[in-house]
């Protein structure tokens, strides 16, 4: 599918892109090649081919759910400028 000069300018306007006149022909050729490739892909028979979420049929390796660090909340809250009932107090930003 060959795109003409005006079609490229229309596409650029819809996409809110500014293209200088010297580049329009190059964009027309490149976009035409992309559309030709898409058309070529549309010709492929995909009957019976299941869609994939990922090309590899791998499984995630999960680690054991065990505690690896001790509770350090009290030590961290000692550094806080303001705290109350185990919570950090911060200045109000929305009124």
N, C-alpha and C. Protein backbone atom coordinates (compact mmCIF):
# COMPACT_ATOMS: atom_id res chain seq x y z
N UNK A 1 0.85 -1.17 0.00
CA UNK A 1 0.00 0.00 0.00
C UNK A 1 0.90 1.23 0.00
N UNK A 2 0.84 2.00 -1.01
CA UNK A 2 1.68 3.19 -1.13
C UNK A 2 0.92 4.41 -0.61
N UNK A 3 1.53 5.10 0.31
CA UNK A 3 0.93 6.32 0.85
C UNK A 3 1.43 7.52 0.05
N UNK A 4 0.54 8.45 -0.20
CA UNK A 4 0.95 9.64 -0.92
C UNK A 4 1.31 10.77 0.06
N UNK A 5 1.80 11.84 -0.49
CA UNK A 5 2.28 13.00 0.25
C UNK A 5 1.19 13.53 1.20
N UNK A 6 -0.01 13.72 0.70
CA UNK A 6 -1.10 14.30 1.50
C UNK A 6 -1.53 13.36 2.62
N UNK A 7 -1.54 12.05 2.37
CA UNK A 7 -1.94 11.10 3.40
C UNK A 7 -0.96 11.14 4.58
N UNK A 8 0.33 11.24 4.27
CA UNK A 8 1.33 11.33 5.34
C UNK A 8 1.12 12.61 6.15
N UNK A 9 0.84 13.69 5.48
CA UNK A 9 0.58 14.94 6.20
C UNK A 9 -0.68 14.84 7.06
N UNK A 10 -1.70 14.16 6.56
CA UNK A 10 -2.92 13.97 7.34
C UNK A 10 -2.66 13.11 8.58
N UNK A 11 -1.88 12.04 8.41
CA UNK A 11 -1.53 11.18 9.55
C UNK A 11 -0.73 11.98 10.58
N UNK A 12 0.21 12.78 10.11
CA UNK A 12 1.02 13.59 11.02
C UNK A 12 0.15 14.58 11.78
N UNK A 13 -0.81 15.18 11.10
CA UNK A 13 -1.70 16.14 11.76
C UNK A 13 -2.53 15.43 12.83
N UNK A 14 -3.08 14.25 12.51
CA UNK A 14 -3.88 13.51 13.49
C UNK A 14 -3.04 13.08 14.69
N UNK A 15 -1.76 12.77 14.44
CA UNK A 15 -0.87 12.37 15.52
C UNK A 15 -0.23 13.56 16.22
N UNK A 16 -0.58 14.77 15.74
CA UNK A 16 -0.04 16.00 16.28
C UNK A 16 1.49 16.03 16.19
N UNK A 17 1.99 15.62 15.01
CA UNK A 17 3.42 15.64 14.72
C UNK A 17 3.70 16.69 13.66
N UNK A 18 4.81 17.37 13.79
CA UNK A 18 5.22 18.34 12.79
C UNK A 18 6.29 17.68 11.92
N UNK A 19 6.04 17.60 10.62
CA UNK A 19 6.99 17.01 9.68
C UNK A 19 7.33 18.07 8.65
N UNK A 20 8.63 18.27 8.43
CA UNK A 20 9.01 19.25 7.41
C UNK A 20 8.81 18.63 6.03
N UNK A 21 8.63 19.45 5.04
CA UNK A 21 8.31 19.00 3.68
C UNK A 21 9.41 18.11 3.10
N UNK A 22 10.65 18.32 3.50
CA UNK A 22 11.74 17.51 2.96
C UNK A 22 11.68 16.07 3.44
N UNK A 23 11.02 15.80 4.56
CA UNK A 23 10.98 14.44 5.12
C UNK A 23 9.72 13.67 4.75
N UNK A 24 8.74 14.31 4.15
CA UNK A 24 7.46 13.66 3.90
C UNK A 24 7.62 12.44 2.99
N UNK A 25 8.42 12.55 1.93
CA UNK A 25 8.58 11.41 1.02
C UNK A 25 9.23 10.22 1.71
N UNK A 26 10.22 10.50 2.57
CA UNK A 26 10.88 9.41 3.31
C UNK A 26 9.89 8.73 4.25
N UNK A 27 9.08 9.52 4.95
CA UNK A 27 8.06 8.94 5.83
C UNK A 27 7.04 8.15 5.04
N UNK A 28 6.68 8.62 3.87
CA UNK A 28 5.71 7.90 3.03
C UNK A 28 6.26 6.53 2.65
N UNK A 29 7.53 6.47 2.29
CA UNK A 29 8.13 5.18 1.93
C UNK A 29 8.19 4.25 3.13
N UNK A 30 8.63 4.77 4.27
CA UNK A 30 8.76 3.93 5.46
C UNK A 30 7.41 3.43 5.96
N UNK A 31 6.42 4.30 6.00
CA UNK A 31 5.09 3.88 6.43
C UNK A 31 4.47 2.89 5.44
N UNK A 32 4.72 3.08 4.16
CA UNK A 32 4.21 2.14 3.15
C UNK A 32 4.84 0.76 3.35
N UNK A 33 6.13 0.72 3.65
CA UNK A 33 6.80 -0.57 3.90
C UNK A 33 6.20 -1.26 5.12
N UNK A 34 5.91 -0.49 6.17
CA UNK A 34 5.31 -1.07 7.37
C UNK A 34 3.93 -1.64 7.06
N UNK A 35 3.12 -0.88 6.32
CA UNK A 35 1.78 -1.36 5.97
C UNK A 35 1.84 -2.58 5.05
N UNK A 36 2.82 -2.63 4.14
CA UNK A 36 3.00 -3.81 3.30
C UNK A 36 3.35 -5.03 4.13
N UNK A 37 4.19 -4.83 5.14
CA UNK A 37 4.57 -5.94 6.02
C UNK A 37 3.37 -6.44 6.82
N UNK A 38 2.55 -5.52 7.32
CA UNK A 38 1.34 -5.91 8.05
C UNK A 38 0.41 -6.69 7.13
N UNK A 39 0.27 -6.25 5.91
CA UNK A 39 -0.57 -6.97 4.95
C UNK A 39 -0.01 -8.37 4.69
N UNK A 40 1.29 -8.48 4.61
CA UNK A 40 1.93 -9.78 4.41
C UNK A 40 1.65 -10.70 5.61
N UNK A 41 1.69 -10.14 6.80
CA UNK A 41 1.40 -10.94 7.99
C UNK A 41 -0.06 -11.36 8.04
N UNK A 42 -0.96 -10.52 7.52
CA UNK A 42 -2.38 -10.87 7.49
C UNK A 42 -2.67 -12.04 6.56
N UNK A 43 -1.78 -12.32 5.62
CA UNK A 43 -1.98 -13.42 4.69
C UNK A 43 -1.64 -14.78 5.31
N UNK A 44 -0.97 -14.80 6.44
CA UNK A 44 -0.54 -16.05 7.08
C UNK A 44 -1.74 -16.75 7.68
N UNK A 45 -1.81 -18.07 7.44
CA UNK A 45 -2.89 -18.88 7.98
C UNK A 45 -2.59 -19.19 9.45
N UNK A 46 -3.40 -18.65 10.34
CA UNK A 46 -3.21 -18.88 11.78
C UNK A 46 -4.33 -19.74 12.36
N UNK A 47 -5.03 -20.43 11.51
CA UNK A 47 -6.12 -21.29 11.96
C UNK A 47 -5.57 -22.38 12.88
N UNK A 48 -6.11 -22.50 14.05
CA UNK A 48 -5.69 -23.54 14.98
C UNK A 48 -4.47 -23.16 15.82
N UNK A 49 -3.96 -21.97 15.66
CA UNK A 49 -2.81 -21.52 16.45
C UNK A 49 -3.34 -20.79 17.68
N UNK A 50 -2.96 -21.26 18.84
CA UNK A 50 -3.43 -20.64 20.07
C UNK A 50 -2.59 -19.42 20.40
N UNK A 51 -3.21 -18.35 20.87
CA UNK A 51 -2.44 -17.16 21.24
C UNK A 51 -1.59 -17.44 22.47
N UNK A 52 -0.45 -16.79 22.52
CA UNK A 52 0.47 -16.95 23.64
C UNK A 52 0.58 -15.66 24.44
N UNK A 53 0.70 -15.81 25.74
CA UNK A 53 1.00 -14.65 26.57
C UNK A 53 2.50 -14.41 26.59
N UNK A 54 3.27 -15.49 26.39
CA UNK A 54 4.72 -15.40 26.40
C UNK A 54 5.25 -16.54 25.55
N UNK A 55 6.32 -16.34 24.79
CA UNK A 55 6.79 -17.41 23.91
C UNK A 55 7.40 -18.60 24.64
N UNK A 56 7.75 -18.44 25.89
CA UNK A 56 8.33 -19.55 26.66
C UNK A 56 7.30 -20.11 27.61
N UNK A 57 7.27 -21.41 27.70
CA UNK A 57 6.32 -22.07 28.60
C UNK A 57 6.96 -22.30 29.97
N UNK A 58 7.62 -21.31 30.49
CA UNK A 58 8.32 -21.46 31.76
C UNK A 58 7.41 -21.24 32.95
N UNK A 59 7.80 -21.81 34.03
CA UNK A 59 7.09 -21.62 35.29
C UNK A 59 7.95 -20.75 36.19
N UNK A 60 7.31 -19.95 37.00
CA UNK A 60 8.05 -19.12 37.94
C UNK A 60 8.56 -19.97 39.09
N UNK A 61 9.83 -19.74 39.42
CA UNK A 61 10.37 -20.42 40.59
C UNK A 61 10.05 -19.57 41.80
N UNK A 62 9.33 -20.12 42.74
CA UNK A 62 8.93 -19.38 43.92
C UNK A 62 9.82 -19.78 45.09
N UNK A 63 10.18 -18.81 45.89
CA UNK A 63 10.99 -19.10 47.06
C UNK A 63 10.07 -19.43 48.23
N UNK A 64 10.64 -20.06 49.23
CA UNK A 64 9.88 -20.38 50.42
C UNK A 64 9.50 -19.09 51.14
N UNK A 65 8.32 -19.05 51.69
CA UNK A 65 7.83 -17.88 52.40
C UNK A 65 8.27 -17.96 53.86
N UNK A 66 9.51 -17.55 54.09
CA UNK A 66 10.06 -17.58 55.44
C UNK A 66 10.57 -16.19 55.80
N UNK A 67 10.55 -15.86 57.08
CA UNK A 67 11.04 -14.58 57.56
C UNK A 67 12.57 -14.58 57.44
N UNK A 68 13.10 -13.55 56.78
CA UNK A 68 14.56 -13.50 56.63
C UNK A 68 15.17 -12.34 57.42
N UNK A 69 14.35 -11.44 57.94
CA UNK A 69 14.84 -10.32 58.74
C UNK A 69 14.01 -10.20 60.01
N UNK A 70 14.62 -9.66 61.02
CA UNK A 70 13.90 -9.45 62.26
C UNK A 70 13.11 -8.15 62.19
N UNK A 71 12.13 -8.03 63.06
CA UNK A 71 11.30 -6.82 63.12
C UNK A 71 12.13 -5.67 63.68
N UNK A 72 12.29 -4.60 62.89
CA UNK A 72 13.10 -3.47 63.31
C UNK A 72 12.28 -2.18 63.38
N UNK A 73 10.96 -2.32 63.50
CA UNK A 73 10.10 -1.14 63.50
C UNK A 73 10.44 -0.17 64.62
N UNK A 74 10.65 -0.68 65.80
CA UNK A 74 10.94 0.21 66.92
C UNK A 74 12.23 0.99 66.69
N UNK A 75 13.23 0.34 66.14
CA UNK A 75 14.50 1.04 65.87
C UNK A 75 14.31 2.12 64.81
N UNK A 76 13.53 1.85 63.78
CA UNK A 76 13.29 2.84 62.74
C UNK A 76 12.44 4.00 63.26
N UNK A 77 11.46 3.69 64.11
CA UNK A 77 10.61 4.75 64.62
C UNK A 77 11.33 5.65 65.60
N UNK A 78 12.40 5.17 66.21
CA UNK A 78 13.20 6.04 67.07
C UNK A 78 13.81 7.19 66.28
N UNK A 79 14.02 6.98 64.96
CA UNK A 79 14.61 8.01 64.11
C UNK A 79 13.58 9.01 63.60
N UNK A 80 12.30 8.66 63.71
CA UNK A 80 11.24 9.52 63.16
C UNK A 80 11.03 10.76 64.02
N UNK A 81 10.81 11.91 63.39
CA UNK A 81 10.59 13.13 64.18
C UNK A 81 9.25 13.12 64.92
N UNK A 82 8.22 12.42 64.38
CA UNK A 82 6.92 12.37 65.05
C UNK A 82 6.28 11.01 64.80
N UNK A 83 5.80 10.43 65.89
CA UNK A 83 5.12 9.12 65.77
C UNK A 83 4.08 9.02 66.87
N UNK A 84 3.09 8.15 66.61
CA UNK A 84 2.03 7.95 67.60
C UNK A 84 1.40 6.59 67.35
N UNK A 85 1.29 5.77 68.39
CA UNK A 85 0.66 4.45 68.34
C UNK A 85 1.24 3.59 67.21
N UNK A 86 2.56 3.67 67.02
CA UNK A 86 3.22 2.85 66.01
C UNK A 86 3.11 3.38 64.60
N UNK A 87 2.57 4.57 64.43
CA UNK A 87 2.42 5.17 63.11
C UNK A 87 3.31 6.40 63.00
N UNK A 88 3.76 6.67 61.76
CA UNK A 88 4.53 7.88 61.49
C UNK A 88 3.57 9.04 61.27
N UNK A 89 3.83 10.17 61.91
CA UNK A 89 3.00 11.36 61.72
C UNK A 89 3.71 12.28 60.74
N UNK A 90 2.96 12.73 59.74
CA UNK A 90 3.51 13.61 58.70
C UNK A 90 2.63 14.84 58.59
N UNK A 91 3.17 15.93 58.04
CA UNK A 91 2.35 17.14 57.89
C UNK A 91 1.22 16.92 56.89
N UNK A 92 0.10 17.59 57.14
CA UNK A 92 -1.04 17.51 56.24
C UNK A 92 -0.69 18.26 54.96
N UNK A 93 -0.95 17.63 53.80
CA UNK A 93 -0.66 18.28 52.52
C UNK A 93 -1.93 18.62 51.76
N UNK A 94 -3.05 18.05 52.12
CA UNK A 94 -4.33 18.33 51.48
C UNK A 94 -5.30 18.85 52.54
N UNK A 95 -5.90 19.96 52.26
CA UNK A 95 -6.83 20.53 53.25
C UNK A 95 -8.26 20.27 52.85
